[in-house]
């Protein structure tokens, strides 16, 4: 259930922006759809993207994973200039986490590839 804590402002005719906190997520709660797209959660997408990109590579897994993160940062860099000054640190941290998520995805793909190669050689 969503509990409004403060009214932030008017978003146009007939609408009002309200800030609050999420207590319990249910399938009928619209905030359930918004939460995964918070800027701080984008590192997961970079991690999964790096795994996907690195699935057929034979070397340079971490570099390619980092490039996935850097590409995600470049594509969304404009958001930091349009953000409120108090939210800019959140975006900078999110950008760093995207690059780190890409590197971790590449590292995971590298370990998976090494295990697969070791298994293929032993059989």
PDB file of N, CA and C in Angstrom:
ATOM      1  N   UNK A   1       0.845  -1.174   0.000  1.00  0.00           N
ATOM      2  CA  UNK A   1       0.000   0.000   0.000  1.00  0.00           C
ATOM      3  C   UNK A   1       0.885   1.231   0.000  1.00  0.00           C
ATOM      4  N   UNK A   2       0.486   2.222  -0.727  1.00  0.00           N
ATOM      5  CA  UNK A   2       1.242   3.458  -0.856  1.00  0.00           C
ATOM      6  C   UNK A   2       0.678   4.486   0.099  1.00  0.00           C
ATOM      7  N   UNK A   3       1.532   5.026   0.938  1.00  0.00           N
ATOM      8  CA  UNK A   3       1.094   5.999   1.919  1.00  0.00           C
ATOM      9  C   UNK A   3       1.683   7.356   1.574  1.00  0.00           C
ATOM     10  N   UNK A   4       0.884   8.314   1.083  1.00  0.00           N
ATOM     11  CA  UNK A   4       1.427   9.631   0.742  1.00  0.00           C
ATOM     12  C   UNK A   4       1.904  10.361   1.985  1.00  0.00           C
ATOM     13  N   UNK A   5       3.068  10.974   1.899  1.00  0.00           N
ATOM     14  CA  UNK A   5       3.599  11.703   3.045  1.00  0.00           C
ATOM     15  C   UNK A   5       3.597  13.205   2.828  1.00  0.00           C
ATOM     16  N   UNK A   6       3.694  13.655   1.553  1.00  0.00           N
ATOM     17  CA  UNK A   6       3.651  15.085   1.313  1.00  0.00           C
ATOM     18  C   UNK A   6       3.222  15.353  -0.119  1.00  0.00           C
ATOM     19  N   UNK A   7       2.603  16.504  -0.305  1.00  0.00           N
ATOM     20  CA  UNK A   7       2.222  16.914  -1.650  1.00  0.00           C
ATOM     21  C   UNK A   7       3.348  17.771  -2.187  1.00  0.00           C
ATOM     22  N   UNK A   8       3.886  17.416  -3.360  1.00  0.00           N
ATOM     23  CA  UNK A   8       5.055  18.100  -3.899  1.00  0.00           C
ATOM     24  C   UNK A   8       4.675  19.281  -4.763  1.00  0.00           C
ATOM     25  N   UNK A   9       3.706  19.114  -5.640  1.00  0.00           N
ATOM     26  CA  UNK A   9       3.340  20.218  -6.513  1.00  0.00           C
ATOM     27  C   UNK A   9       2.261  19.811  -7.484  1.00  0.00           C
ATOM     28  N   UNK A  10       1.938  20.735  -8.342  1.00  0.00           N
ATOM     29  CA  UNK A  10       0.900  20.503  -9.337  1.00  0.00           C
ATOM     30  C   UNK A  10       1.565  20.085 -10.640  1.00  0.00           C
ATOM     31  N   UNK A  11       1.156  18.944 -11.198  1.00  0.00           N
ATOM     32  CA  UNK A  11       1.738  18.427 -12.435  1.00  0.00           C
ATOM     33  C   UNK A  11       0.923  18.821 -13.650  1.00  0.00           C
ATOM     34  N   UNK A  12      -0.060  19.627 -13.493  1.00  0.00           N
ATOM     35  CA  UNK A  12      -0.896  20.031 -14.613  1.00  0.00           C
ATOM     36  C   UNK A  12      -2.351  20.038 -14.187  1.00  0.00           C
ATOM     37  N   UNK A  13      -3.225  20.335 -15.120  1.00  0.00           N
ATOM     38  CA  UNK A  13      -4.650  20.396 -14.756  1.00  0.00           C
ATOM     39  C   UNK A  13      -5.188  19.028 -14.359  1.00  0.00           C
ATOM     40  N   UNK A  14      -5.748  18.956 -13.192  1.00  0.00           N
ATOM     41  CA  UNK A  14      -6.377  17.734 -12.722  1.00  0.00           C
ATOM     42  C   UNK A  14      -5.431  16.711 -12.123  1.00  0.00           C
ATOM     43  N   UNK A  15      -4.137  17.022 -12.009  1.00  0.00           N
ATOM     44  CA  UNK A  15      -3.176  16.071 -11.438  1.00  0.00           C
ATOM     45  C   UNK A  15      -2.361  16.741 -10.348  1.00  0.00           C
ATOM     46  N   UNK A  16      -1.898  15.954  -9.423  1.00  0.00           N
ATOM     47  CA  UNK A  16      -1.055  16.434  -8.338  1.00  0.00           C
ATOM     48  C   UNK A  16       0.053  15.424  -8.108  1.00  0.00           C
ATOM     49  N   UNK A  17       1.286  15.911  -7.952  1.00  0.00           N
ATOM     50  CA  UNK A  17       2.403  15.028  -7.640  1.00  0.00           C
ATOM     51  C   UNK A  17       2.472  14.844  -6.133  1.00  0.00           C
ATOM     52  N   UNK A  18       2.581  13.586  -5.710  1.00  0.00           N
ATOM     53  CA  UNK A  18       2.627  13.272  -4.283  1.00  0.00           C
ATOM     54  C   UNK A  18       3.822  12.370  -4.028  1.00  0.00           C
ATOM     55  N   UNK A  19       4.595  12.699  -3.000  1.00  0.00           N
ATOM     56  CA  UNK A  19       5.674  11.829  -2.570  1.00  0.00           C
ATOM     57  C   UNK A  19       5.205  11.021  -1.380  1.00  0.00           C
ATOM     58  N   UNK A  20       5.734   9.828  -1.258  1.00  0.00           N
ATOM     59  CA  UNK A  20       5.363   8.998  -0.136  1.00  0.00           C
ATOM     60  C   UNK A  20       6.289   7.821  -0.010  1.00  0.00           C
ATOM     61  N   UNK A  21       5.869   6.822   0.716  1.00  0.00           N
ATOM     62  CA  UNK A  21       6.693   5.623   0.850  1.00  0.00           C
ATOM     63  C   UNK A  21       5.829   4.397   0.603  1.00  0.00           C
ATOM     64  N   UNK A  22       6.506   3.396   0.109  1.00  0.00           N
ATOM     65  CA  UNK A  22       5.834   2.157  -0.237  1.00  0.00           C
ATOM     66  C   UNK A  22       5.905   1.222   0.959  1.00  0.00           C
ATOM     67  N   UNK A  23       4.750   0.761   1.418  1.00  0.00           N
ATOM     68  CA  UNK A  23       4.728  -0.138   2.558  1.00  0.00           C
ATOM     69  C   UNK A  23       4.665  -1.590   2.102  1.00  0.00           C
ATOM     70  N   UNK A  24       3.738  -1.941   1.264  1.00  0.00           N
ATOM     71  CA  UNK A  24       3.583  -3.309   0.763  1.00  0.00           C
ATOM     72  C   UNK A  24       3.287  -3.215  -0.726  1.00  0.00           C
ATOM     73  N   UNK A  25       4.029  -3.962  -1.531  1.00  0.00           N
ATOM     74  CA  UNK A  25       3.779  -3.981  -2.973  1.00  0.00           C
ATOM     75  C   UNK A  25       2.792  -5.074  -3.298  1.00  0.00           C
ATOM     76  N   UNK A  26       1.748  -4.729  -3.966  1.00  0.00           N
ATOM     77  CA  UNK A  26       0.794  -5.710  -4.441  1.00  0.00           C
ATOM     78  C   UNK A  26       0.705  -5.637  -5.947  1.00  0.00           C
ATOM     79  N   UNK A  27       0.067  -6.611  -6.567  1.00  0.00           N
ATOM     80  CA  UNK A  27      -0.015  -6.611  -8.020  1.00  0.00           C
ATOM     81  C   UNK A  27      -0.829  -5.455  -8.594  1.00  0.00           C
ATOM     82  N   UNK A  28      -1.681  -4.842  -7.785  1.00  0.00           N
ATOM     83  CA  UNK A  28      -2.486  -3.730  -8.282  1.00  0.00           C
ATOM     84  C   UNK A  28      -1.867  -2.377  -7.957  1.00  0.00           C
ATOM     85  N   UNK A  29      -0.689  -2.348  -7.378  1.00  0.00           N
ATOM     86  CA  UNK A  29      -0.034  -1.111  -6.978  1.00  0.00           C
ATOM     87  C   UNK A  29       0.812  -0.588  -8.139  1.00  0.00           C
ATOM     88  N   UNK A  30       0.579   0.643  -8.577  1.00  0.00           N
ATOM     89  CA  UNK A  30       1.312   1.193  -9.717  1.00  0.00           C
ATOM     90  C   UNK A  30       2.774   1.471  -9.376  1.00  0.00           C
ATOM     91  N   UNK A  31       3.106   1.669  -8.107  1.00  0.00           N
ATOM     92  CA  UNK A  31       4.501   1.917  -7.745  1.00  0.00           C
ATOM     93  C   UNK A  31       5.352   0.682  -7.963  1.00  0.00           C
ATOM     94  N   UNK A  32       4.742  -0.493  -8.039  1.00  0.00           N
ATOM     95  CA  UNK A  32       5.476  -1.720  -8.330  1.00  0.00           C
ATOM     96  C   UNK A  32       6.106  -1.635  -9.708  1.00  0.00           C
ATOM     97  N   UNK A  33       5.457  -0.955 -10.633  1.00  0.00           N
ATOM     98  CA  UNK A  33       5.986  -0.807 -11.979  1.00  0.00           C
ATOM     99  C   UNK A  33       7.068   0.253 -12.051  1.00  0.00           C
ATOM    100  N   UNK A  34       7.039   1.237 -11.183  1.00  0.00           N
ATOM    101  CA  UNK A  34       7.999   2.347 -11.220  1.00  0.00           C
ATOM    102  C   UNK A  34       9.308   1.972 -10.528  1.00  0.00           C
ATOM    103  N   UNK A  35       9.275   1.211  -9.461  1.00  0.00           N
ATOM    104  CA  UNK A  35      10.451   0.939  -8.640  1.00  0.00           C
ATOM    105  C   UNK A  35      11.630   0.316  -9.396  1.00  0.00           C
ATOM    106  N   UNK A  36      11.441  -0.670 -10.299  1.00  0.00           N
ATOM    107  CA  UNK A  36      12.610  -1.237 -10.975  1.00  0.00           C
ATOM    108  C   UNK A  36      13.331  -0.251 -11.883  1.00  0.00           C
ATOM    109  N   UNK A  37      12.687   0.867 -12.235  1.00  0.00           N
ATOM    110  CA  UNK A  37      13.295   1.829 -13.145  1.00  0.00           C
ATOM    111  C   UNK A  37      13.937   2.995 -12.420  1.00  0.00           C
ATOM    112  N   UNK A  38      14.094   2.891 -11.132  1.00  0.00           N
ATOM    113  CA  UNK A  38      14.809   3.897 -10.362  1.00  0.00           C
ATOM    114  C   UNK A  38      16.265   3.923 -10.830  1.00  0.00           C
ATOM    115  N   UNK A  39      16.892   5.096 -10.934  1.00  0.00           N
ATOM    116  CA  UNK A  39      18.269   5.153 -11.446  1.00  0.00           C
ATOM    117  C   UNK A  39      19.261   4.279 -10.680  1.00  0.00           C
ATOM    118  N   UNK A  40      19.018   4.054  -9.407  1.00  0.00           N
ATOM    119  CA  UNK A  40      19.939   3.226  -8.627  1.00  0.00           C
ATOM    120  C   UNK A  40      19.852   1.742  -8.949  1.00  0.00           C
ATOM    121  N   UNK A  41      18.809   1.327  -9.642  1.00  0.00           N
ATOM    122  CA  UNK A  41      18.643  -0.093  -9.978  1.00  0.00           C
ATOM    123  C   UNK A  41      19.159  -0.450 -11.361  1.00  0.00           C
ATOM    124  N   UNK A  42      19.677   0.485 -12.103  1.00  0.00           N
ATOM    125  CA  UNK A  42      20.118   0.235 -13.476  1.00  0.00           C
ATOM    126  C   UNK A  42      21.381  -0.608 -13.558  1.00  0.00           C
ATOM    127  N   UNK A  43      22.118  -0.764 -12.477  1.00  0.00           N
ATOM    128  CA  UNK A  43      23.333  -1.597 -12.527  1.00  0.00           C
ATOM    129  C   UNK A  43      22.968  -3.041 -12.847  1.00  0.00           C
ATOM    130  N   UNK A  44      21.775  -3.462 -12.427  1.00  0.00           N
ATOM    131  CA  UNK A  44      21.347  -4.832 -12.730  1.00  0.00           C
ATOM    132  C   UNK A  44      21.175  -5.034 -14.229  1.00  0.00           C
ATOM    133  N   UNK A  45      20.641  -4.030 -14.892  1.00  0.00           N
ATOM    134  CA  UNK A  45      20.462  -4.128 -16.335  1.00  0.00           C
ATOM    135  C   UNK A  45      21.809  -4.169 -17.038  1.00  0.00           C
ATOM    136  N   UNK A  46      22.778  -3.412 -16.568  1.00  0.00           N
ATOM    137  CA  UNK A  46      24.117  -3.442 -17.159  1.00  0.00           C
ATOM    138  C   UNK A  46      24.788  -4.791 -16.897  1.00  0.00           C
ATOM    139  N   UNK A  47      24.573  -5.352 -15.711  1.00  0.00           N
ATOM    140  CA  UNK A  47      25.116  -6.673 -15.397  1.00  0.00           C
ATOM    141  C   UNK A  47      24.565  -7.718 -16.366  1.00  0.00           C
ATOM    142  N   UNK A  48      23.253  -7.726 -16.535  1.00  0.00           N
ATOM    143  CA  UNK A  48      22.631  -8.693 -17.438  1.00  0.00           C
ATOM    144  C   UNK A  48      23.002  -8.422 -18.896  1.00  0.00           C
ATOM    145  N   UNK A  49      23.128  -7.148 -19.251  1.00  0.00           N
ATOM    146  CA  UNK A  49      23.550  -6.811 -20.606  1.00  0.00           C
ATOM    147  C   UNK A  49      24.962  -7.273 -20.891  1.00  0.00           C
ATOM    148  N   UNK A  50      25.854  -7.144 -19.913  1.00  0.00           N
ATOM    149  CA  UNK A  50      27.233  -7.608 -20.089  1.00  0.00           C
ATOM    150  C   UNK A  50      27.280  -9.128 -20.205  1.00  0.00           C
ATOM    151  N   UNK A  51      26.453  -9.824 -19.440  1.00  0.00           N
ATOM    152  CA  UNK A  51      26.377 -11.279 -19.582  1.00  0.00           C
ATOM    153  C   UNK A  51      25.918 -11.658 -20.987  1.00  0.00           C
ATOM    154  N   UNK A  52      24.942 -10.934 -21.501  1.00  0.00           N
ATOM    155  CA  UNK A  52      24.416 -11.225 -22.823  1.00  0.00           C
ATOM    156  C   UNK A  52      25.448 -10.933 -23.909  1.00  0.00           C
ATOM    157  N   UNK A  53      26.126  -9.798 -23.799  1.00  0.00           N
ATOM    158  CA  UNK A  53      27.131  -9.424 -24.793  1.00  0.00           C
ATOM    159  C   UNK A  53      28.308 -10.390 -24.776  1.00  0.00           C
ATOM    160  N   UNK A  54      28.692 -10.859 -23.606  1.00  0.00           N
ATOM    161  CA  UNK A  54      29.889 -11.687 -23.457  1.00  0.00           C
ATOM    162  C   UNK A  54      29.644 -13.167 -23.663  1.00  0.00           C
ATOM    163  N   UNK A  55      28.463 -13.564 -24.019  1.00  0.00           N
ATOM    164  CA  UNK A  55      28.146 -14.985 -24.057  1.00  0.00           C
ATOM    165  C   UNK A  55      28.950 -15.762 -25.094  1.00  0.00           C
ATOM    166  N   UNK A  56      29.385 -15.151 -26.175  1.00  0.00           N
ATOM    167  CA  UNK A  56      30.134 -15.883 -27.197  1.00  0.00           C
ATOM    168  C   UNK A  56      31.582 -15.423 -27.319  1.00  0.00           C
ATOM    169  N   UNK A  57      32.039 -14.624 -26.402  1.00  0.00           N
ATOM    170  CA  UNK A  57      33.417 -14.133 -26.454  1.00  0.00           C
ATOM    171  C   UNK A  57      34.394 -15.209 -25.988  1.00  0.00           C
ATOM    172  N   UNK A  58      35.635 -15.057 -26.399  1.00  0.00           N
ATOM    173  CA  UNK A  58      36.694 -15.956 -25.923  1.00  0.00           C
ATOM    174  C   UNK A  58      37.722 -15.210 -25.092  1.00  0.00           C
ATOM    175  N   UNK A  59      37.709 -13.872 -25.122  1.00  0.00           N
ATOM    176  CA  UNK A  59      38.629 -13.073 -24.311  1.00  0.00           C
ATOM    177  C   UNK A  59      38.042 -11.678 -24.118  1.00  0.00           C
ATOM    178  N   UNK A  60      38.683 -10.887 -23.277  1.00  0.00           N
ATOM    179  CA  UNK A  60      38.303  -9.490 -23.005  1.00  0.00           C
ATOM    180  C   UNK A  60      36.872  -9.370 -22.487  1.00  0.00           C
ATOM    181  N   UNK A  61      36.483 -10.251 -21.598  1.00  0.00           N
ATOM    182  CA  UNK A  61      35.130 -10.239 -21.042  1.00  0.00           C
ATOM    183  C   UNK A  61      34.872  -8.983 -20.224  1.00  0.00           C
ATOM    184  N   UNK A  62      35.801  -8.655 -19.331  1.00  0.00           N
ATOM    185  CA  UNK A  62      35.597  -7.526 -18.422  1.00  0.00           C
ATOM    186  C   UNK A  62      35.603  -6.211 -19.200  1.00  0.00           C
ATOM    187  N   UNK A  63      36.470  -6.111 -20.203  1.00  0.00           N
ATOM    188  CA  UNK A  63      36.528  -4.885 -21.005  1.00  0.00           C
ATOM    189  C   UNK A  63      35.203  -4.678 -21.740  1.00  0.00           C
ATOM    190  N   UNK A  64      34.677  -5.741 -22.326  1.00  0.00           N
ATOM    191  CA  UNK A  64      33.393  -5.630 -23.015  1.00  0.00           C
ATOM    192  C   UNK A  64      32.259  -5.338 -22.044  1.00  0.00           C
ATOM    193  N   UNK A  65      32.319  -5.909 -20.850  1.00  0.00           N
ATOM    194  CA  UNK A  65      31.316  -5.589 -19.833  1.00  0.00           C
ATOM    195  C   UNK A  65      31.391  -4.136 -19.414  1.00  0.00           C
ATOM    196  N   UNK A  66      32.606  -3.628 -19.259  1.00  0.00           N
ATOM    197  CA  UNK A  66      32.773  -2.213 -18.909  1.00  0.00           C
ATOM    198  C   UNK A  66      32.239  -1.316 -20.020  1.00  0.00           C
ATOM    199  N   UNK A  67      32.419  -1.739 -21.263  1.00  0.00           N
ATOM    200  CA  UNK A  67      31.901  -0.950 -22.379  1.00  0.00           C
ATOM    201  C   UNK A  67      30.369  -0.922 -22.392  1.00  0.00           C
ATOM    202  N   UNK A  68      29.749  -1.992 -21.945  1.00  0.00           N
ATOM    203  CA  UNK A  68      28.286  -1.985 -21.801  1.00  0.00           C
ATOM    204  C   UNK A  68      27.887  -0.921 -20.785  1.00  0.00           C
ATOM    205  N   UNK A  69      28.588  -0.883 -19.641  1.00  0.00           N
ATOM    206  CA  UNK A  69      28.298   0.122 -18.623  1.00  0.00           C
ATOM    207  C   UNK A  69      28.557   1.538 -19.099  1.00  0.00           C
ATOM    208  N   UNK A  70      29.671   1.739 -19.808  1.00  0.00           N
ATOM    209  CA  UNK A  70      30.000   3.074 -20.323  1.00  0.00           C
ATOM    210  C   UNK A  70      28.960   3.514 -21.359  1.00  0.00           C
ATOM    211  N   UNK A  71      28.524   2.589 -22.192  1.00  0.00           N
ATOM    212  CA  UNK A  71      27.494   2.920 -23.177  1.00  0.00           C
ATOM    213  C   UNK A  71      26.193   3.325 -22.491  1.00  0.00           C
ATOM    214  N   UNK A  72      25.829   2.621 -21.445  1.00  0.00           N
ATOM    215  CA  UNK A  72      24.619   2.976 -20.692  1.00  0.00           C
ATOM    216  C   UNK A  72      24.754   4.363 -20.071  1.00  0.00           C
ATOM    217  N   UNK A  73      25.953   4.692 -19.587  1.00  0.00           N
ATOM    218  CA  UNK A  73      26.177   6.016 -18.999  1.00  0.00           C
ATOM    219  C   UNK A  73      26.091   7.093 -20.072  1.00  0.00           C
ATOM    220  N   UNK A  74      26.724   6.867 -21.212  1.00  0.00           N
ATOM    221  CA  UNK A  74      26.711   7.866 -22.283  1.00  0.00           C
ATOM    222  C   UNK A  74      25.289   8.120 -22.783  1.00  0.00           C
ATOM    223  N   UNK A  75      24.504   7.058 -22.892  1.00  0.00           N
ATOM    224  CA  UNK A  75      23.132   7.216 -23.373  1.00  0.00           C
ATOM    225  C   UNK A  75      22.239   7.986 -22.410  1.00  0.00           C
ATOM    226  N   UNK A  76      22.576   7.981 -21.130  1.00  0.00           N
ATOM    227  CA  UNK A  76      21.735   8.648 -20.126  1.00  0.00           C
ATOM    228  C   UNK A  76      22.434   9.820 -19.446  1.00  0.00           C
ATOM    229  N   UNK A  77      23.553  10.275 -19.988  1.00  0.00           N
ATOM    230  CA  UNK A  77      24.326  11.352 -19.357  1.00  0.00           C
ATOM    231  C   UNK A  77      23.542  12.663 -19.290  1.00  0.00           C
ATOM    232  N   UNK A  78      22.669  12.893 -20.233  1.00  0.00           N
ATOM    233  CA  UNK A  78      21.895  14.128 -20.240  1.00  0.00           C
ATOM    234  C   UNK A  78      20.978  14.284 -19.044  1.00  0.00           C
ATOM    235  N   UNK A  79      20.594  13.191 -18.416  1.00  0.00           N
ATOM    236  CA  UNK A  79      19.696  13.271 -17.261  1.00  0.00           C
ATOM    237  C   UNK A  79      20.327  14.019 -16.087  1.00  0.00           C
ATOM    238  N   UNK A  80      21.641  13.931 -15.944  1.00  0.00           N
ATOM    239  CA  UNK A  80      22.286  14.586 -14.810  1.00  0.00           C
ATOM    240  C   UNK A  80      22.196  16.112 -14.942  1.00  0.00           C
ATOM    241  N   UNK A  81      22.157  16.612 -16.163  1.00  0.00           N
ATOM    242  CA  UNK A  81      22.070  18.060 -16.360  1.00  0.00           C
ATOM    243  C   UNK A  81      20.653  18.583 -16.184  1.00  0.00           C
ATOM    244  N   UNK A  82      19.673  17.720 -16.342  1.00  0.00           N
ATOM    245  CA  UNK A  82      18.287  18.132 -16.173  1.00  0.00           C
ATOM    246  C   UNK A  82      17.767  17.855 -14.767  1.00  0.00           C
ATOM    247  N   UNK A  83      18.542  17.149 -13.959  1.00  0.00           N
ATOM    248  CA  UNK A  83      18.104  16.787 -12.611  1.00  0.00           C
ATOM    249  C   UNK A  83      18.217  17.982 -11.666  1.00  0.00           C
ATOM    250  N   UNK A  84      17.461  17.896 -10.602  1.00  0.00           N
ATOM    251  CA  UNK A  84      17.576  18.907  -9.553  1.00  0.00           C
ATOM    252  C   UNK A  84      18.969  18.819  -8.934  1.00  0.00           C
ATOM    253  N   UNK A  85      19.504  19.902  -8.448  1.00  0.00           N
ATOM    254  CA  UNK A  85      20.857  19.864  -7.870  1.00  0.00           C
ATOM    255  C   UNK A  85      21.001  18.846  -6.736  1.00  0.00           C
ATOM    256  N   UNK A  86      19.964  18.638  -5.950  1.00  0.00           N
ATOM    257  CA  UNK A  86      20.072  17.690  -4.847  1.00  0.00           C
ATOM    258  C   UNK A  86      20.022  16.235  -5.323  1.00  0.00           C
ATOM    259  N   UNK A  87      19.574  15.996  -6.561  1.00  0.00           N
ATOM    260  CA  UNK A  87      19.503  14.639  -7.102  1.00  0.00           C
ATOM    261  C   UNK A  87      20.715  14.264  -7.954  1.00  0.00           C
ATOM    262  N   UNK A  88      21.587  15.202  -8.238  1.00  0.00           N
ATOM    263  CA  UNK A  88      22.708  14.938  -9.142  1.00  0.00           C
ATOM    264  C   UNK A  88      23.679  13.906  -8.580  1.00  0.00           C
ATOM    265  N   UNK A  89      23.904  13.902  -7.290  1.00  0.00           N
ATOM    266  CA  UNK A  89      24.804  12.908  -6.691  1.00  0.00           C
ATOM    267  C   UNK A  89      24.249  11.505  -6.906  1.00  0.00           C
ATOM    268  N   UNK A  90      22.932  11.355  -6.816  1.00  0.00           N
ATOM    269  CA  UNK A  90      22.307  10.057  -7.041  1.00  0.00           C
ATOM    270  C   UNK A  90      22.598   9.566  -8.462  1.00  0.00           C
ATOM    271  N   UNK A  91      22.540  10.464  -9.434  1.00  0.00           N
ATOM    272  CA  UNK A  91      22.814  10.073 -10.814  1.00  0.00           C
ATOM    273  C   UNK A  91      24.283   9.716 -11.009  1.00  0.00           C
ATOM    274  N   UNK A  92      25.182  10.464 -10.398  1.00  0.00           N
ATOM    275  CA  UNK A  92      26.616  10.166 -10.519  1.00  0.00           C
ATOM    276  C   UNK A  92      26.917   8.796  -9.913  1.00  0.00           C
ATOM    277  N   UNK A  93      26.337   8.504  -8.762  1.00  0.00           N
ATOM    278  CA  UNK A  93      26.517   7.186  -8.142  1.00  0.00           C
ATOM    279  C   UNK A  93      25.905   6.107  -9.034  1.00  0.00           C
ATOM    280  N   UNK A  94      24.754   6.399  -9.615  1.00  0.00           N
ATOM    281  CA  UNK A  94      24.118   5.444 -10.521  1.00  0.00           C
ATOM    282  C   UNK A  94      24.998   5.172 -11.731  1.00  0.00           C
ATOM    283  N   UNK A  95      25.646   6.200 -12.268  1.00  0.00           N
ATOM    284  CA  UNK A  95      26.531   6.004 -13.417  1.00  0.00           C
ATOM    285  C   UNK A  95      27.714   5.120 -13.044  1.00  0.00           C
ATOM    286  N   UNK A  96      28.286   5.346 -11.869  1.00  0.00           N
ATOM    287  CA  UNK A  96      29.415   4.514 -11.419  1.00  0.00           C
ATOM    288  C   UNK A  96      28.957   3.065 -11.221  1.00  0.00           C
ATOM    289  N   UNK A  97      27.765   2.880 -10.674  1.00  0.00           N
ATOM    290  CA  UNK A  97      27.249   1.526 -10.467  1.00  0.00           C
ATOM    291  C   UNK A  97      26.966   0.820 -11.789  1.00  0.00           C
ATOM    292  N   UNK A  98      26.573   1.572 -12.819  1.00  0.00           N
ATOM    293  CA  UNK A  98      26.338   0.961 -14.131  1.00  0.00           C
ATOM    294  C   UNK A  98      27.637   0.402 -14.703  1.00  0.00           C
ATOM    295  N   UNK A  99      28.712   1.171 -14.596  1.00  0.00           N
ATOM    296  CA  UNK A  99      30.002   0.694 -15.100  1.00  0.00           C
ATOM    297  C   UNK A  99      30.464  -0.502 -14.279  1.00  0.00           C
ATOM    298  N   UNK A 100      30.302  -0.424 -12.969  1.00  0.00           N
ATOM    299  CA  UNK A 100      30.677  -1.548 -12.096  1.00  0.00           C
ATOM    300  C   UNK A 100      29.822  -2.777 -12.399  1.00  0.00           C
ATOM    301  N   UNK A 101      28.539  -2.586 -12.629  1.00  0.00           N
ATOM    302  CA  UNK A 101      27.663  -3.705 -12.988  1.00  0.00           C
ATOM    303  C   UNK A 101      28.087  -4.357 -14.288  1.00  0.00           C
ATOM    304  N   UNK A 102      28.489  -3.564 -15.265  1.00  0.00           N
ATOM    305  CA  UNK A 102      28.984  -4.116 -16.518  1.00  0.00           C
ATOM    306  C   UNK A 102      30.265  -4.911 -16.320  1.00  0.00           C
ATOM    307  N   UNK A 103      31.172  -4.379 -15.508  1.00  0.00           N
ATOM    308  CA  UNK A 103      32.422  -5.103 -15.212  1.00  0.00           C
ATOM    309  C   UNK A 103      32.140  -6.420 -14.497  1.00  0.00           C
ATOM    310  N   UNK A 104      31.237  -6.386 -13.537  1.00  0.00           N
ATOM    311  CA  UNK A 104      30.890  -7.621 -12.823  1.00  0.00           C
ATOM    312  C   UNK A 104      30.209  -8.630 -13.740  1.00  0.00           C
ATOM    313  N   UNK A 105      29.398  -8.162 -14.672  1.00  0.00           N
ATOM    314  CA  UNK A 105      28.786  -9.052 -15.647  1.00  0.00           C
ATOM    315  C   UNK A 105      29.839  -9.698 -16.532  1.00  0.00           C
ATOM    316  N   UNK A 106      30.832  -8.913 -16.957  1.00  0.00           N
ATOM    317  CA  UNK A 106      31.927  -9.467 -17.751  1.00  0.00           C
ATOM    318  C   UNK A 106      32.755 -10.463 -16.962  1.00  0.00           C
ATOM    319  N   UNK A 107      33.000 -10.164 -15.690  1.00  0.00           N
ATOM    320  CA  UNK A 107      33.756 -11.084 -14.835  1.00  0.00           C
ATOM    321  C   UNK A 107      32.985 -12.389 -14.627  1.00  0.00           C
ATOM    322  N   UNK A 108      31.688 -12.288 -14.424  1.00  0.00           N
ATOM    323  CA  UNK A 108      30.862 -13.486 -14.277  1.00  0.00           C
ATOM    324  C   UNK A 108      30.876 -14.320 -15.558  1.00  0.00           C
ATOM    325  N   UNK A 109      30.803 -13.654 -16.707  1.00  0.00           N
ATOM    326  CA  UNK A 109      30.856 -14.364 -17.983  1.00  0.00           C
ATOM    327  C   UNK A 109      32.208 -15.035 -18.185  1.00  0.00           C
ATOM    328  N   UNK A 110      33.273 -14.366 -17.737  1.00  0.00           N
ATOM    329  CA  UNK A 110      34.610 -14.943 -17.857  1.00  0.00           C
ATOM    330  C   UNK A 110      34.737 -16.206 -17.007  1.00  0.00           C
ATOM    331  N   UNK A 111      34.242 -16.146 -15.795  1.00  0.00           N
ATOM    332  CA  UNK A 111      34.297 -17.338 -14.928  1.00  0.00           C
ATOM    333  C   UNK A 111      33.447 -18.467 -15.483  1.00  0.00           C
ATOM    334  N   UNK A 112      32.290 -18.125 -16.011  1.00  0.00           N
ATOM    335  CA  UNK A 112      31.420 -19.135 -16.601  1.00  0.00           C
ATOM    336  C   UNK A 112      32.084 -19.766 -17.822  1.00  0.00           C
ATOM    337  N   UNK A 113      32.732 -18.964 -18.636  1.00  0.00           N
ATOM    338  CA  UNK A 113      33.416 -19.469 -19.822  1.00  0.00           C
ATOM    339  C   UNK A 113      34.587 -20.369 -19.437  1.00  0.00           C
ATOM    340  N   UNK A 114      35.324 -20.006 -18.375  1.00  0.00           N
ATOM    341  CA  UNK A 114      36.448 -20.825 -17.917  1.00  0.00           C
ATOM    342  C   UNK A 114      35.948 -22.176 -17.396  1.00  0.00           C
ATOM    343  N   UNK A 115      34.825 -22.165 -16.681  1.00  0.00           N
ATOM    344  CA  UNK A 115      34.256 -23.422 -16.196  1.00  0.00           C
ATOM    345  C   UNK A 115      33.781 -24.294 -17.347  1.00  0.00           C
ATOM    346  N   UNK A 116      33.186 -23.663 -18.345  1.00  0.00           N
ATOM    347  CA  UNK A 116      32.708 -24.423 -19.498  1.00  0.00           C
ATOM    348  C   UNK A 116      33.878 -25.029 -20.278  1.00  0.00           C
ATOM    349  N   UNK A 117      34.966 -24.262 -20.439  1.00  0.00           N
ATOM    350  CA  UNK A 117      36.147 -24.742 -21.152  1.00  0.00           C
ATOM    351  C   UNK A 117      36.803 -25.886 -20.380  1.00  0.00           C
ATOM    352  N   UNK A 118      36.872 -25.778 -19.064  1.00  0.00           N
ATOM    353  CA  UNK A 118      37.473 -26.830 -18.245  1.00  0.00           C
ATOM    354  C   UNK A 118      36.624 -28.103 -18.313  1.00  0.00           C
ATOM    355  N   UNK A 119      35.318 -27.929 -18.354  1.00  0.00           N
ATOM    356  CA  UNK A 119      34.429 -29.075 -18.441  1.00  0.00           C
ATOM    357  C   UNK A 119      34.535 -29.745 -19.807  1.00  0.00           C
ATOM    358  N   UNK A 120      34.667 -28.947 -20.868  1.00  0.00           N
ATOM    359  CA  UNK A 120      34.760 -29.483 -22.212  1.00  0.00           C
ATOM    360  C   UNK A 120      36.074 -30.232 -22.426  1.00  0.00           C
ATOM    361  N   UNK A 121      37.159 -29.779 -21.798  1.00  0.00           N
ATOM    362  CA  UNK A 121      38.463 -30.420 -21.940  1.00  0.00           C
ATOM    363  C   UNK A 121      38.467 -31.742 -21.179  1.00  0.00           C
ATOM    364  N   UNK A 122      37.807 -31.810 -20.025  1.00  0.00           N
ATOM    365  CA  UNK A 122      37.839 -33.019 -19.209  1.00  0.00           C
ATOM    366  C   UNK A 122      37.015 -34.154 -19.817  1.00  0.00           C
ATOM    367  N   UNK A 123      36.107 -33.831 -20.716  1.00  0.00           N
ATOM    368  CA  UNK A 123      35.269 -34.888 -21.315  1.00  0.00           C
ATOM    369  C   UNK A 123      35.723 -35.209 -22.670  1.00  0.00           C
TER     370      UNK A 123
END
